[in-house]
Amino acid sequence: MKQKDIEQQEKRTGWLLILPALLVLALVFIYPIARAFWLSFFRENLGTQLEPIFSGFYNYNRLLGDGRFWQSLWNTSVFTVISITIELVLGMGIALVLNQSFRGRGFVRTSALIPWALPTAVMGLAWAWIFNGQYGVVNDLLQRLGLMETSITWLGDPTRAMFALIVAEVWKTTPFISILLLAGLQSISVDLYEAHSIDGANPFQSFRQITLPLLMPQIIIALLFRFAQAFGVFDLIQVMTGGGPAGSTETVSIYIYATVRRYLDFGYGAALVVVTFLLLVTAVVIAAFLLSKSRVNLTGGQ
């Protein structure tokens, strides 16, 4: 009985300690989402100065037939999937290198964080100049190497513009994944690799049978963070392309911004926010399921 009282006291203390964080979370996260959900049931009373009228699911029905929304969702999905896939591969390689012992390792680890620390808007402006059709470094290098004869308008072509955005995103955010994976690598005991090598395993087999399974929780967490960030990307695309050319790089966040700030359609913009939020929640639930499943596999179902 005494032990039970102690446990209940610890639980109450724990709730009291996290209560301020829960209140802050409610103010900066739950309330805006709830407010957006409420506004999504209204639409503007066009041609009058009256308050918005209640329209039920009108905005959501409108969203289903909105080709621009589905195009922006496709652009967002392409940008997100390709970016985080490349970032995971490069981040894993960088983490494996940084996990080795070599002279100046601390300096290299610190330097690797510089792209991640730079403001995205400033970095996006720099990459816009790098891919500039007339004065860009990319065109100049390709011409000097003899790979092309005339300059290419990178940000004026739909495919090339998306390519430029992905390159800029990968350059900036790969260090984030590499640091998370490096933390996971350092938690893996060296004895496991030594025992595996004694059994005759080569480095590739050790990576596949030891590193990847034990690193899976960190991989899922890194992908979850990057998915949320890449899916809601705004500043990079706004600075580099503004969603152009012809909406080929317009993401959901850019479309929401245009709907609310340019067209002042707050009800429909709120509906877009709610749908985007539900998509992100779905991704979080799937990631949490995969994370829990990977932990069960690591513990042998215990």
Protein backbone atom coordinates (compact mmCIF):
# COMPACT_ATOMS: atom_id res chain seq x y z
CA MET A 1 0.00 0.00 0.00
CA LYS A 2 2.83 2.32 0.85
CA GLN A 3 4.54 1.57 -2.44
CA LYS A 4 1.29 2.33 -4.25
CA ASP A 5 1.00 5.68 -2.50
CA ILE A 6 4.55 6.52 -3.52
CA GLU A 7 3.79 5.69 -7.14
CA GLN A 8 0.65 7.85 -7.11
CA GLN A 9 2.61 10.70 -5.59
CA GLU A 10 5.24 10.39 -8.31
CA LYS A 11 2.55 10.45 -10.96
CA ARG A 12 0.98 13.60 -9.52
CA THR A 13 4.39 15.23 -9.34
CA GLY A 14 5.05 14.27 -12.94
CA TRP A 15 1.77 15.80 -14.10
CA LEU A 16 2.49 18.99 -12.19
CA LEU A 17 5.91 19.24 -13.80
CA ILE A 18 4.60 18.83 -17.35
CA LEU A 19 1.51 21.02 -16.79
CA PRO A 20 3.26 24.27 -17.90
CA ALA A 21 4.45 22.58 -21.08
CA LEU A 22 0.91 21.31 -21.75
CA LEU A 23 -0.52 24.80 -21.29
CA VAL A 24 2.01 26.30 -23.70
CA LEU A 25 1.26 23.52 -26.17
CA ALA A 26 -2.45 24.23 -25.91
CA LEU A 27 -1.94 27.94 -26.54
CA VAL A 28 0.42 27.70 -29.49
CA PHE A 29 -0.87 24.51 -31.11
CA ILE A 30 -4.28 23.24 -30.03
CA TYR A 31 -6.09 26.59 -30.01
CA PRO A 32 -4.97 27.67 -33.52
CA ILE A 33 -5.99 24.31 -34.97
CA ALA A 34 -9.36 24.44 -33.21
CA ARG A 35 -9.85 28.00 -34.44
CA ALA A 36 -8.99 27.01 -38.00
CA PHE A 37 -11.41 24.08 -37.79
CA TRP A 38 -14.18 26.45 -36.70
CA LEU A 39 -13.42 29.00 -39.42
CA SER A 40 -13.44 26.28 -42.08
CA PHE A 41 -17.23 26.06 -41.72
CA PHE A 42 -17.68 29.68 -42.84
CA ARG A 43 -17.30 31.44 -46.15
CA GLU A 44 -17.02 35.06 -47.12
CA ASN A 45 -20.23 36.95 -47.86
CA LEU A 46 -19.03 38.27 -51.21
CA GLY A 47 -20.14 41.70 -52.31
CA THR A 48 -21.18 42.83 -48.82
CA GLN A 49 -19.62 44.07 -45.62
CA LEU A 50 -21.49 41.48 -43.55
CA GLU A 51 -19.90 38.85 -41.37
CA PRO A 52 -18.97 35.50 -42.99
CA ILE A 53 -21.90 33.12 -43.26
CA PHE A 54 -22.02 29.59 -41.92
CA SER A 55 -21.67 27.19 -44.85
CA GLY A 56 -21.21 23.77 -43.27
CA PHE A 57 -18.96 21.55 -45.37
CA TYR A 58 -19.02 23.86 -48.37
CA ASN A 59 -15.28 24.60 -48.18
CA TYR A 60 -14.43 20.91 -47.93
CA ASN A 61 -16.64 20.07 -50.91
CA ARG A 62 -14.95 22.88 -52.79
CA LEU A 63 -11.56 21.47 -51.86
CA LEU A 64 -12.40 18.08 -53.37
CA GLY A 65 -12.91 19.72 -56.77
CA ASP A 66 -10.03 22.18 -56.50
CA GLY A 67 -7.48 21.14 -59.11
CA ARG A 68 -4.98 23.70 -57.85
CA PHE A 69 -5.04 22.15 -54.39
CA TRP A 70 -4.43 18.64 -55.71
CA GLN A 71 -1.60 19.93 -57.91
CA SER A 72 -0.01 21.68 -54.93
CA LEU A 73 -0.43 18.49 -52.87
CA TRP A 74 1.30 16.52 -55.62
CA ASN A 75 4.13 19.06 -55.77
CA THR A 76 4.48 18.89 -52.00
CA SER A 77 4.56 15.08 -52.04
CA VAL A 78 7.20 14.95 -54.79
CA PHE A 79 9.35 17.53 -53.03
CA THR A 80 9.00 15.79 -49.65
CA VAL A 81 9.57 12.19 -50.74
CA ILE A 82 12.58 12.89 -52.97
CA SER A 83 14.16 15.29 -50.47
CA ILE A 84 13.95 13.09 -47.40
CA THR A 85 15.03 9.98 -49.35
CA ILE A 86 18.23 11.68 -50.54
CA GLU A 87 18.76 13.22 -47.11
CA LEU A 88 18.47 9.84 -45.42
CA VAL A 89 21.05 8.24 -47.70
CA LEU A 90 23.50 11.14 -47.46
CA GLY A 91 22.84 11.62 -43.75
CA MET A 92 23.56 7.96 -43.07
CA GLY A 93 26.83 8.15 -44.99
CA ILE A 94 27.92 11.32 -43.18
CA ALA A 95 26.96 9.86 -39.79
CA LEU A 96 29.01 6.71 -40.46
CA VAL A 97 32.03 8.84 -41.37
CA LEU A 98 31.67 11.14 -38.37
CA ASN A 99 31.33 8.13 -36.09
CA GLN A 100 34.88 7.06 -36.94
CA SER A 101 37.92 8.24 -35.01
CA PHE A 102 40.12 10.66 -36.95
CA ARG A 103 42.07 13.82 -36.32
CA GLY A 104 39.92 16.96 -36.26
CA ARG A 105 36.67 15.02 -35.84
CA GLY A 106 35.21 17.62 -33.46
CA PHE A 107 35.84 20.43 -35.93
CA VAL A 108 34.29 18.46 -38.79
CA ARG A 109 31.20 17.64 -36.70
CA THR A 110 30.76 21.30 -35.81
CA SER A 111 31.28 22.45 -39.40
CA ALA A 112 28.69 19.95 -40.64
CA LEU A 113 25.99 21.86 -38.74
CA ILE A 114 26.63 25.17 -40.52
CA PRO A 115 24.09 24.61 -43.35
CA TRP A 116 21.43 23.65 -40.80
CA ALA A 117 22.16 26.74 -38.67
CA LEU A 118 21.81 29.21 -41.54
CA PRO A 119 18.43 31.03 -41.87
CA THR A 120 16.38 29.34 -44.57
CA ALA A 121 15.34 32.59 -46.25
CA VAL A 122 18.94 33.79 -46.55
CA MET A 123 20.07 30.40 -47.78
CA GLY A 124 17.21 30.27 -50.30
CA LEU A 125 18.22 33.66 -51.69
CA ALA A 126 21.79 32.43 -52.08
CA TRP A 127 20.66 29.31 -53.93
CA ALA A 128 18.41 31.41 -56.16
CA TRP A 129 21.51 33.31 -57.28
CA ILE A 130 23.49 30.07 -57.65
CA PHE A 131 20.84 28.79 -60.09
CA ASN A 132 20.39 32.16 -61.78
CA GLY A 133 20.11 31.77 -65.54
CA GLN A 134 22.53 34.60 -66.41
CA TYR A 135 24.90 35.00 -63.49
CA GLY A 136 24.55 31.70 -61.64
CA VAL A 137 27.53 29.64 -60.53
CA VAL A 138 25.96 26.39 -61.77
CA ASN A 139 25.76 27.56 -65.38
CA ASP A 140 29.27 28.96 -65.22
CA LEU A 141 30.73 25.70 -63.89
CA LEU A 142 28.88 23.55 -66.42
CA GLN A 143 30.08 25.75 -69.27
CA ARG A 144 33.68 25.70 -68.03
CA LEU A 145 33.55 21.90 -67.83
CA GLY A 146 32.17 21.75 -71.37
CA LEU A 147 28.96 20.03 -70.31
CA MET A 148 26.77 22.63 -72.00
CA GLU A 149 27.20 25.45 -74.50
CA THR A 150 24.45 27.88 -73.53
CA SER A 151 23.04 28.96 -70.20
CA ILE A 152 20.04 27.16 -68.73
CA THR A 153 17.16 28.97 -67.04
CA TRP A 154 16.99 26.66 -64.04
CA LEU A 155 14.17 28.39 -62.19
CA GLY A 156 12.15 29.03 -65.35
CA ASP A 157 11.48 25.38 -66.20
CA PRO A 158 9.11 23.26 -64.06
CA THR A 159 11.36 20.19 -63.77
CA ARG A 160 14.58 22.15 -63.31
CA ALA A 161 12.99 24.45 -60.75
CA MET A 162 11.87 21.48 -58.65
CA PHE A 163 15.35 20.01 -59.00
CA ALA A 164 16.93 23.26 -57.77
CA LEU A 165 14.58 23.37 -54.76
CA ILE A 166 15.39 19.78 -53.83
CA VAL A 167 19.15 20.44 -54.09
CA ALA A 168 18.83 23.48 -51.81
CA GLU A 169 16.67 21.59 -49.31
CA VAL A 170 18.98 18.58 -49.23
CA TRP A 171 22.05 20.78 -48.73
CA LYS A 172 20.49 22.53 -45.77
CA THR A 173 18.75 19.71 -43.91
CA THR A 174 21.01 16.69 -44.43
CA PRO A 175 23.16 17.73 -41.41
CA PHE A 176 20.06 17.48 -39.21
CA ILE A 177 19.52 13.83 -40.12
CA SER A 178 23.23 13.03 -39.90
CA ILE A 179 23.46 14.39 -36.34
CA LEU A 180 20.41 12.40 -35.21
CA LEU A 181 21.79 9.22 -36.75
CA LEU A 182 25.24 9.91 -35.30
CA ALA A 183 23.72 10.06 -31.81
CA GLY A 184 22.12 6.67 -32.46
CA LEU A 185 25.38 5.18 -33.77
CA GLN A 186 27.24 6.25 -30.65
CA SER A 187 24.76 4.35 -28.50
CA ILE A 188 25.60 1.06 -30.22
CA SER A 189 28.23 -0.95 -28.35
CA VAL A 190 31.47 -1.67 -30.20
CA ASP A 191 31.48 -5.15 -28.67
CA LEU A 192 28.61 -6.14 -30.96
CA TYR A 193 30.67 -5.40 -34.05
CA GLU A 194 33.73 -7.17 -32.64
CA ALA A 195 31.72 -10.30 -31.82
CA HIS A 196 30.10 -10.19 -35.25
CA SER A 197 33.45 -9.89 -37.01
CA ILE A 198 34.80 -12.85 -35.02
CA ASP A 199 31.91 -14.89 -36.41
CA GLY A 200 33.17 -14.04 -39.89
CA ALA A 201 30.86 -11.18 -40.81
CA ASN A 202 32.10 -8.45 -43.15
CA PRO A 203 31.40 -4.70 -42.63
CA PHE A 204 28.40 -4.74 -44.96
CA GLN A 205 26.82 -7.63 -43.06
CA SER A 206 27.46 -5.85 -39.76
CA PHE A 207 25.80 -2.73 -41.12
CA ARG A 208 22.78 -4.67 -42.33
CA GLN A 209 22.37 -6.96 -39.34
CA ILE A 210 23.46 -4.70 -36.47
CA THR A 211 23.53 -1.02 -37.42
CA LEU A 212 20.27 -0.75 -39.33
CA PRO A 213 18.08 -2.70 -36.84
CA LEU A 214 19.46 -0.87 -33.81
CA LEU A 215 19.33 2.49 -35.60
CA MET A 216 15.75 2.08 -36.83
CA PRO A 217 14.14 4.14 -34.01
CA GLN A 218 16.42 7.11 -34.77
CA ILE A 219 15.77 6.71 -38.50
CA ILE A 220 12.01 6.81 -38.01
CA ILE A 221 12.22 9.83 -35.69
CA ALA A 222 14.48 11.68 -38.16
CA LEU A 223 12.14 10.90 -41.05
CA LEU A 224 9.15 12.00 -38.98
CA PHE A 225 10.71 15.37 -38.20
CA ARG A 226 11.85 15.88 -41.77
CA PHE A 227 8.49 14.86 -43.20
CA ALA A 228 6.69 17.44 -41.09
CA GLN A 229 9.22 20.14 -42.00
CA ALA A 230 9.39 19.34 -45.72
CA PHE A 231 5.63 18.95 -46.07
CA GLY A 232 5.11 22.41 -44.56
CA VAL A 233 8.02 24.11 -46.33
CA PHE A 234 7.30 27.74 -47.16
CA ASP A 235 10.23 30.15 -46.88
CA LEU A 236 12.61 28.27 -49.19
CA ILE A 237 10.10 28.00 -52.03
CA GLN A 238 8.72 31.48 -51.49
CA VAL A 239 12.21 32.98 -51.82
CA MET A 240 13.50 30.83 -54.70
CA THR A 241 10.49 30.39 -57.01
CA GLY A 242 7.39 31.80 -55.32
CA GLY A 243 5.58 28.65 -56.46
CA GLY A 244 6.40 29.17 -60.13
CA PRO A 245 6.83 28.74 -62.96
CA ALA A 246 3.10 28.39 -63.63
CA GLY A 247 2.47 26.81 -60.23
CA SER A 248 4.80 23.87 -60.91
CA THR A 249 6.55 24.28 -57.55
CA GLU A 250 3.60 25.60 -55.57
CA THR A 251 3.27 23.61 -52.37
CA VAL A 252 0.30 23.39 -50.03
CA SER A 253 1.75 26.02 -47.69
CA ILE A 254 2.28 28.45 -50.59
CA TYR A 255 -1.28 27.85 -51.77
CA ILE A 256 -2.66 28.45 -48.26
CA TYR A 257 -0.67 31.67 -48.03
CA ALA A 258 -2.04 32.88 -51.36
CA THR A 259 -5.60 31.93 -50.41
CA VAL A 260 -5.53 33.77 -47.10
CA ARG A 261 -3.24 36.74 -47.75
CA ARG A 262 -3.84 37.41 -51.42
CA TYR A 263 -7.48 36.41 -51.91
CA LEU A 264 -8.59 36.99 -48.28
CA ASP A 265 -10.59 33.75 -48.39
CA PHE A 266 -10.18 32.87 -44.73
CA GLY A 267 -12.77 30.10 -44.58
CA TYR A 268 -11.33 28.14 -47.47
CA GLY A 269 -7.80 28.79 -46.24
CA ALA A 270 -8.79 27.37 -42.84
CA ALA A 271 -10.16 24.27 -44.55
CA LEU A 272 -6.84 23.83 -46.33
CA VAL A 273 -5.04 24.13 -43.00
CA VAL A 274 -7.28 21.52 -41.39
CA VAL A 275 -6.79 19.02 -44.21
CA THR A 276 -3.02 19.55 -44.17
CA PHE A 277 -3.00 19.07 -40.39
CA LEU A 278 -4.94 15.80 -40.71
CA LEU A 279 -2.46 14.54 -43.29
CA LEU A 280 0.42 15.31 -40.95
CA VAL A 281 -1.35 13.61 -38.03
CA THR A 282 -1.86 10.53 -40.18
CA ALA A 283 1.86 10.47 -40.97
CA VAL A 284 2.69 10.83 -37.26
CA VAL A 285 0.40 7.93 -36.34
CA ILE A 286 1.97 5.71 -39.00
CA ALA A 287 5.47 6.67 -37.85
CA ALA A 288 4.56 6.00 -34.20
CA PHE A 289 3.22 2.57 -35.17
CA LEU A 290 6.40 1.74 -37.07
CA LEU A 291 8.52 2.98 -34.17
CA SER A 292 6.66 0.85 -31.64
CA LYS A 293 6.86 -2.14 -33.98
CA SER A 294 10.61 -1.71 -34.39
CA ARG A 295 11.05 -1.56 -30.62
CA VAL A 296 9.05 -4.76 -30.21
CA ASN A 297 11.23 -6.49 -32.79
CA LEU A 298 14.39 -5.30 -31.03
CA THR A 299 13.21 -6.58 -27.66
CA GLY A 300 12.01 -9.89 -29.07
CA GLY A 301 8.36 -9.16 -28.28
CA GLN A 302 8.96 -8.87 -24.55
